[in-house]
Amino acid sequence: MYLKLIIPFLLLFIVTGCENPAEQDNSKLLISFRNKSAYQLNNLIVSDKGIGNLPVNFSSRYFGFDDFRFDSGLPDENASAVVNGKVYTNYRRGYWCGTEKITVTSGKYIINIEIVDTTLFLSCENSPTIDHP
Protein backbone atom coordinates (compact mmCIF):
# COMPACT_ATOMS: atom_id res chain seq x y z
CA MET A 1 0.00 0.00 0.00
CA TYR A 2 2.71 2.46 0.99
CA LEU A 3 4.76 1.50 -2.05
CA LYS A 4 1.92 2.67 -4.30
CA LEU A 5 2.13 6.08 -2.64
CA ILE A 6 5.92 6.34 -2.58
CA ILE A 7 6.70 5.17 -6.14
CA PRO A 8 5.06 8.15 -7.93
CA PHE A 9 7.02 10.59 -5.75
CA LEU A 10 10.28 8.73 -6.41
CA LEU A 11 9.61 8.75 -10.16
CA LEU A 12 8.87 12.48 -10.06
CA PHE A 13 12.13 13.07 -8.17
CA ILE A 14 14.11 11.00 -10.69
CA VAL A 15 12.55 12.79 -13.68
CA THR A 16 12.87 16.34 -12.35
CA GLY A 17 15.99 15.89 -10.22
CA CYS A 18 16.88 17.74 -7.08
CA GLU A 19 16.00 21.37 -7.59
CA ASN A 20 16.85 24.44 -5.59
CA PRO A 21 13.66 26.54 -5.45
CA ALA A 22 15.58 29.44 -3.89
CA GLU A 23 17.44 29.82 -7.20
CA GLN A 24 14.18 30.69 -8.92
CA ASP A 25 13.29 33.46 -6.46
CA ASN A 26 16.36 35.55 -7.35
CA SER A 27 15.40 36.18 -10.96
CA LYS A 28 12.80 38.60 -12.27
CA LEU A 29 12.45 36.45 -15.40
CA LEU A 30 11.17 32.89 -14.99
CA ILE A 31 10.62 30.46 -17.86
CA SER A 32 9.26 26.91 -17.89
CA PHE A 33 9.61 24.58 -20.87
CA ARG A 34 6.91 22.12 -21.93
CA ASN A 35 7.62 19.14 -24.20
CA LYS A 36 4.69 19.01 -26.62
CA SER A 37 6.51 16.69 -29.04
CA ALA A 38 6.04 12.94 -29.33
CA TYR A 39 9.65 12.30 -28.21
CA GLN A 40 11.65 12.56 -25.01
CA LEU A 41 13.99 15.56 -25.16
CA ASN A 42 17.35 14.68 -23.64
CA ASN A 43 19.99 17.20 -22.62
CA LEU A 44 17.75 20.13 -23.53
CA ILE A 45 19.68 23.40 -23.68
CA VAL A 46 17.99 26.76 -24.24
CA SER A 47 19.96 30.01 -24.42
CA ASP A 48 23.08 28.23 -23.09
CA LYS A 49 21.17 27.05 -19.99
CA GLY A 50 20.99 23.32 -19.30
CA ILE A 51 17.35 22.41 -18.79
CA GLY A 52 17.98 18.65 -18.65
CA ASN A 53 15.78 15.80 -19.82
CA LEU A 54 12.13 16.50 -20.57
CA PRO A 55 9.73 13.58 -21.07
CA VAL A 56 6.75 13.78 -23.44
CA ASN A 57 3.95 16.03 -22.09
CA PHE A 58 6.04 17.17 -19.11
CA SER A 59 6.98 20.70 -18.09
CA SER A 60 10.23 21.74 -16.51
CA ARG A 61 10.46 23.75 -13.34
CA TYR A 62 10.79 27.52 -13.82
CA PHE A 63 14.34 28.56 -14.65
CA GLY A 64 15.67 32.03 -13.94
CA PHE A 65 17.11 34.03 -16.86
CA ASP A 66 18.69 37.48 -16.98
CA ASP A 67 17.03 38.16 -20.33
CA PHE A 68 15.32 36.30 -23.16
CA ARG A 69 14.71 37.37 -26.76
CA PHE A 70 11.52 37.04 -28.80
CA ASP A 71 10.78 37.84 -32.44
CA SER A 72 7.18 38.31 -33.56
CA GLY A 73 6.06 36.54 -30.38
CA LEU A 74 8.28 33.48 -30.95
CA PRO A 75 11.25 32.65 -28.70
CA ASP A 76 14.42 33.84 -30.45
CA GLU A 77 17.08 31.94 -28.51
CA ASN A 78 19.12 28.93 -29.57
CA ALA A 79 17.85 25.55 -28.37
CA SER A 80 19.09 22.00 -28.78
CA ALA A 81 18.14 18.54 -27.54
CA VAL A 82 19.09 14.95 -28.18
CA VAL A 83 16.22 12.92 -29.64
CA ASN A 84 16.76 9.21 -30.29
CA GLY A 85 20.53 9.73 -30.29
CA LYS A 86 20.49 12.67 -32.74
CA VAL A 87 20.95 16.36 -31.95
CA TYR A 88 17.98 18.51 -32.97
CA THR A 89 18.25 22.31 -32.95
CA ASN A 90 16.27 25.42 -33.84
CA TYR A 91 19.34 27.23 -35.23
CA ARG A 92 17.86 27.88 -38.69
CA ARG A 93 15.01 30.12 -37.56
CA GLY A 94 14.57 32.47 -40.56
CA TYR A 95 11.79 34.72 -39.23
CA TRP A 96 10.23 37.05 -41.81
CA CYS A 97 11.67 40.29 -40.50
CA GLY A 98 13.42 41.76 -37.49
CA THR A 99 11.02 44.60 -36.68
CA GLU A 100 9.20 42.71 -33.91
CA LYS A 101 12.28 41.80 -31.85
CA ILE A 102 12.00 42.28 -28.12
CA THR A 103 14.19 41.35 -25.16
CA VAL A 104 12.43 40.74 -21.85
CA THR A 105 14.09 40.96 -18.45
CA SER A 106 11.12 40.19 -16.23
CA GLY A 107 7.96 38.14 -16.25
CA LYS A 108 6.88 34.52 -16.17
CA TYR A 109 6.59 32.56 -19.44
CA ILE A 110 5.76 29.04 -20.59
CA ILE A 111 7.54 27.93 -23.75
CA ASN A 112 6.28 24.92 -25.68
CA ILE A 113 8.72 22.75 -27.63
CA GLU A 114 7.59 20.72 -30.63
CA ILE A 115 9.49 18.89 -33.35
CA VAL A 116 8.83 19.77 -36.98
CA ASP A 117 10.73 17.38 -39.27
CA THR A 118 14.12 17.33 -37.50
CA THR A 119 13.93 20.84 -36.05
CA LEU A 120 12.93 22.07 -32.62
CA PHE A 121 10.08 24.60 -32.83
CA LEU A 122 9.61 26.87 -29.82
CA SER A 123 6.44 28.86 -29.15
CA CYS A 124 5.29 30.82 -26.15
CA GLU A 125 1.84 30.53 -24.57
CA ASN A 126 1.94 34.08 -23.24
CA SER A 127 4.33 35.90 -25.57
CA PRO A 128 5.37 39.47 -24.84
CA THR A 129 4.43 42.04 -27.45
CA ILE A 130 5.84 45.34 -28.59
CA ASP A 131 3.59 48.26 -27.74
CA HIS A 132 3.12 50.35 -30.87
CA PRO A 133 2.33 54.08 -30.33
C-alpha atoms as a PDB file:
ATOM      1  CA  MET A   1       0.000   0.000   0.000  1.00  0.00           C
ATOM      2  CA  TYR A   2       2.709   2.462   0.991  1.00  0.00           C
ATOM      3  CA  LEU A   3       4.762   1.503  -2.046  1.00  0.00           C
ATOM      4  CA  LYS A   4       1.919   2.675  -4.295  1.00  0.00           C
ATOM      5  CA  LEU A   5       2.130   6.078  -2.643  1.00  0.00           C
ATOM      6  CA  ILE A   6       5.918   6.336  -2.583  1.00  0.00           C
ATOM      7  CA  ILE A   7       6.699   5.165  -6.136  1.00  0.00           C
ATOM      8  CA  PRO A   8       5.058   8.154  -7.930  1.00  0.00           C
ATOM      9  CA  PHE A   9       7.020  10.586  -5.755  1.00  0.00           C
ATOM     10  CA  LEU A  10      10.276   8.725  -6.411  1.00  0.00           C
ATOM     11  CA  LEU A  11       9.611   8.755 -10.165  1.00  0.00           C
ATOM     12  CA  LEU A  12       8.872  12.477 -10.058  1.00  0.00           C
ATOM     13  CA  PHE A  13      12.130  13.066  -8.169  1.00  0.00           C
ATOM     14  CA  ILE A  14      14.111  10.995 -10.688  1.00  0.00           C
ATOM     15  CA  VAL A  15      12.546  12.793 -13.681  1.00  0.00           C
ATOM     16  CA  THR A  16      12.869  16.340 -12.351  1.00  0.00           C
ATOM     17  CA  GLY A  17      15.987  15.886 -10.225  1.00  0.00           C
ATOM     18  CA  CYS A  18      16.875  17.741  -7.081  1.00  0.00           C
ATOM     19  CA  GLU A  19      15.995  21.367  -7.586  1.00  0.00           C
ATOM     20  CA  ASN A  20      16.847  24.436  -5.592  1.00  0.00           C
ATOM     21  CA  PRO A  21      13.665  26.542  -5.452  1.00  0.00           C
ATOM     22  CA  ALA A  22      15.583  29.441  -3.885  1.00  0.00           C
ATOM     23  CA  GLU A  23      17.445  29.815  -7.203  1.00  0.00           C
ATOM     24  CA  GLN A  24      14.179  30.690  -8.919  1.00  0.00           C
ATOM     25  CA  ASP A  25      13.295  33.460  -6.464  1.00  0.00           C
ATOM     26  CA  ASN A  26      16.363  35.552  -7.349  1.00  0.00           C
ATOM     27  CA  SER A  27      15.403  36.179 -10.964  1.00  0.00           C
ATOM     28  CA  LYS A  28      12.795  38.598 -12.271  1.00  0.00           C
ATOM     29  CA  LEU A  29      12.449  36.454 -15.400  1.00  0.00           C
ATOM     30  CA  LEU A  30      11.170  32.886 -14.991  1.00  0.00           C
ATOM     31  CA  ILE A  31      10.619  30.462 -17.861  1.00  0.00           C
ATOM     32  CA  SER A  32       9.256  26.913 -17.886  1.00  0.00           C
ATOM     33  CA  PHE A  33       9.612  24.584 -20.873  1.00  0.00           C
ATOM     34  CA  ARG A  34       6.908  22.118 -21.925  1.00  0.00           C
ATOM     35  CA  ASN A  35       7.622  19.142 -24.197  1.00  0.00           C
ATOM     36  CA  LYS A  36       4.692  19.006 -26.624  1.00  0.00           C
ATOM     37  CA  SER A  37       6.510  16.688 -29.039  1.00  0.00           C
ATOM     38  CA  ALA A  38       6.042  12.942 -29.327  1.00  0.00           C
ATOM     39  CA  TYR A  39       9.646  12.302 -28.206  1.00  0.00           C
ATOM     40  CA  GLN A  40      11.650  12.561 -25.008  1.00  0.00           C
ATOM     41  CA  LEU A  41      13.990  15.561 -25.163  1.00  0.00           C
ATOM     42  CA  ASN A  42      17.355  14.678 -23.637  1.00  0.00           C
ATOM     43  CA  ASN A  43      19.992  17.197 -22.621  1.00  0.00           C
ATOM     44  CA  LEU A  44      17.745  20.130 -23.529  1.00  0.00           C
ATOM     45  CA  ILE A  45      19.684  23.397 -23.676  1.00  0.00           C
ATOM     46  CA  VAL A  46      17.993  26.760 -24.237  1.00  0.00           C
ATOM     47  CA  SER A  47      19.958  30.005 -24.419  1.00  0.00           C
ATOM     48  CA  ASP A  48      23.079  28.233 -23.092  1.00  0.00           C
ATOM     49  CA  LYS A  49      21.173  27.055 -19.992  1.00  0.00           C
ATOM     50  CA  GLY A  50      20.993  23.323 -19.300  1.00  0.00           C
ATOM     51  CA  ILE A  51      17.345  22.415 -18.790  1.00  0.00           C
ATOM     52  CA  GLY A  52      17.980  18.652 -18.655  1.00  0.00           C
ATOM     53  CA  ASN A  53      15.776  15.798 -19.824  1.00  0.00           C
ATOM     54  CA  LEU A  54      12.132  16.505 -20.573  1.00  0.00           C
ATOM     55  CA  PRO A  55       9.729  13.585 -21.067  1.00  0.00           C
ATOM     56  CA  VAL A  56       6.749  13.783 -23.436  1.00  0.00           C
ATOM     57  CA  ASN A  57       3.947  16.031 -22.092  1.00  0.00           C
ATOM     58  CA  PHE A  58       6.039  17.172 -19.115  1.00  0.00           C
ATOM     59  CA  SER A  59       6.977  20.700 -18.089  1.00  0.00           C
ATOM     60  CA  SER A  60      10.234  21.742 -16.511  1.00  0.00           C
ATOM     61  CA  ARG A  61      10.460  23.752 -13.338  1.00  0.00           C
ATOM     62  CA  TYR A  62      10.787  27.516 -13.816  1.00  0.00           C
ATOM     63  CA  PHE A  63      14.337  28.563 -14.650  1.00  0.00           C
ATOM     64  CA  GLY A  64      15.668  32.034 -13.941  1.00  0.00           C
ATOM     65  CA  PHE A  65      17.106  34.027 -16.858  1.00  0.00           C
ATOM     66  CA  ASP A  66      18.694  37.479 -16.979  1.00  0.00           C
ATOM     67  CA  ASP A  67      17.033  38.159 -20.327  1.00  0.00           C
ATOM     68  CA  PHE A  68      15.322  36.299 -23.155  1.00  0.00           C
ATOM     69  CA  ARG A  69      14.714  37.368 -26.755  1.00  0.00           C
ATOM     70  CA  PHE A  70      11.525  37.041 -28.797  1.00  0.00           C
ATOM     71  CA  ASP A  71      10.783  37.842 -32.436  1.00  0.00           C
ATOM     72  CA  SER A  72       7.179  38.312 -33.560  1.00  0.00           C
ATOM     73  CA  GLY A  73       6.059  36.542 -30.381  1.00  0.00           C
ATOM     74  CA  LEU A  74       8.277  33.485 -30.950  1.00  0.00           C
ATOM     75  CA  PRO A  75      11.248  32.654 -28.703  1.00  0.00           C
ATOM     76  CA  ASP A  76      14.425  33.840 -30.447  1.00  0.00           C
ATOM     77  CA  GLU A  77      17.085  31.941 -28.507  1.00  0.00           C
ATOM     78  CA  ASN A  78      19.120  28.926 -29.574  1.00  0.00           C
ATOM     79  CA  ALA A  79      17.851  25.551 -28.367  1.00  0.00           C
ATOM     80  CA  SER A  80      19.088  22.000 -28.783  1.00  0.00           C
ATOM     81  CA  ALA A  81      18.135  18.542 -27.538  1.00  0.00           C
ATOM     82  CA  VAL A  82      19.094  14.950 -28.182  1.00  0.00           C
ATOM     83  CA  VAL A  83      16.223  12.916 -29.642  1.00  0.00           C
ATOM     84  CA  ASN A  84      16.761   9.215 -30.293  1.00  0.00           C
ATOM     85  CA  GLY A  85      20.525   9.731 -30.292  1.00  0.00           C
ATOM     86  CA  LYS A  86      20.490  12.673 -32.739  1.00  0.00           C
ATOM     87  CA  VAL A  87      20.948  16.363 -31.948  1.00  0.00           C
ATOM     88  CA  TYR A  88      17.978  18.513 -32.968  1.00  0.00           C
ATOM     89  CA  THR A  89      18.247  22.314 -32.945  1.00  0.00           C
ATOM     90  CA  ASN A  90      16.272  25.422 -33.844  1.00  0.00           C
ATOM     91  CA  TYR A  91      19.337  27.230 -35.229  1.00  0.00           C
ATOM     92  CA  ARG A  92      17.861  27.884 -38.694  1.00  0.00           C
ATOM     93  CA  ARG A  93      15.012  30.124 -37.563  1.00  0.00           C
ATOM     94  CA  GLY A  94      14.567  32.473 -40.564  1.00  0.00           C
ATOM     95  CA  TYR A  95      11.789  34.724 -39.230  1.00  0.00           C
ATOM     96  CA  TRP A  96      10.228  37.046 -41.806  1.00  0.00           C
ATOM     97  CA  CYS A  97      11.674  40.292 -40.498  1.00  0.00           C
ATOM     98  CA  GLY A  98      13.417  41.763 -37.491  1.00  0.00           C
ATOM     99  CA  THR A  99      11.023  44.598 -36.679  1.00  0.00           C
ATOM    100  CA  GLU A 100       9.199  42.714 -33.913  1.00  0.00           C
ATOM    101  CA  LYS A 101      12.279  41.804 -31.852  1.00  0.00           C
ATOM    102  CA  ILE A 102      12.000  42.283 -28.116  1.00  0.00           C
ATOM    103  CA  THR A 103      14.190  41.348 -25.157  1.00  0.00           C
ATOM    104  CA  VAL A 104      12.430  40.745 -21.851  1.00  0.00           C
ATOM    105  CA  THR A 105      14.090  40.964 -18.453  1.00  0.00           C
ATOM    106  CA  SER A 106      11.118  40.187 -16.233  1.00  0.00           C
ATOM    107  CA  GLY A 107       7.955  38.138 -16.246  1.00  0.00           C
ATOM    108  CA  LYS A 108       6.884  34.520 -16.174  1.00  0.00           C
ATOM    109  CA  TYR A 109       6.587  32.558 -19.438  1.00  0.00           C
ATOM    110  CA  ILE A 110       5.762  29.040 -20.594  1.00  0.00           C
ATOM    111  CA  ILE A 111       7.544  27.925 -23.746  1.00  0.00           C
ATOM    112  CA  ASN A 112       6.280  24.919 -25.682  1.00  0.00           C
ATOM    113  CA  ILE A 113       8.716  22.752 -27.631  1.00  0.00           C
ATOM    114  CA  GLU A 114       7.588  20.724 -30.630  1.00  0.00           C
ATOM    115  CA  ILE A 115       9.489  18.889 -33.353  1.00  0.00           C
ATOM    116  CA  VAL A 116       8.831  19.770 -36.978  1.00  0.00           C
ATOM    117  CA  ASP A 117      10.732  17.383 -39.272  1.00  0.00           C
ATOM    118  CA  THR A 118      14.118  17.331 -37.496  1.00  0.00           C
ATOM    119  CA  THR A 119      13.935  20.843 -36.055  1.00  0.00           C
ATOM    120  CA  LEU A 120      12.926  22.072 -32.617  1.00  0.00           C
ATOM    121  CA  PHE A 121      10.084  24.597 -32.830  1.00  0.00           C
ATOM    122  CA  LEU A 122       9.606  26.874 -29.817  1.00  0.00           C
ATOM    123  CA  SER A 123       6.441  28.857 -29.153  1.00  0.00           C
ATOM    124  CA  CYS A 124       5.286  30.823 -26.151  1.00  0.00           C
ATOM    125  CA  GLU A 125       1.838  30.529 -24.572  1.00  0.00           C
ATOM    126  CA  ASN A 126       1.941  34.076 -23.243  1.00  0.00           C
ATOM    127  CA  SER A 127       4.328  35.905 -25.566  1.00  0.00           C
ATOM    128  CA  PRO A 128       5.372  39.475 -24.840  1.00  0.00           C
ATOM    129  CA  THR A 129       4.432  42.037 -27.446  1.00  0.00           C
ATOM    130  CA  ILE A 130       5.837  45.335 -28.592  1.00  0.00           C
ATOM    131  CA  ASP A 131       3.594  48.258 -27.743  1.00  0.00           C
ATOM    132  CA  HIS A 132       3.123  50.354 -30.869  1.00  0.00           C
ATOM    133  CA  PRO A 133       2.326  54.076 -30.330  1.00  0.00           C
END
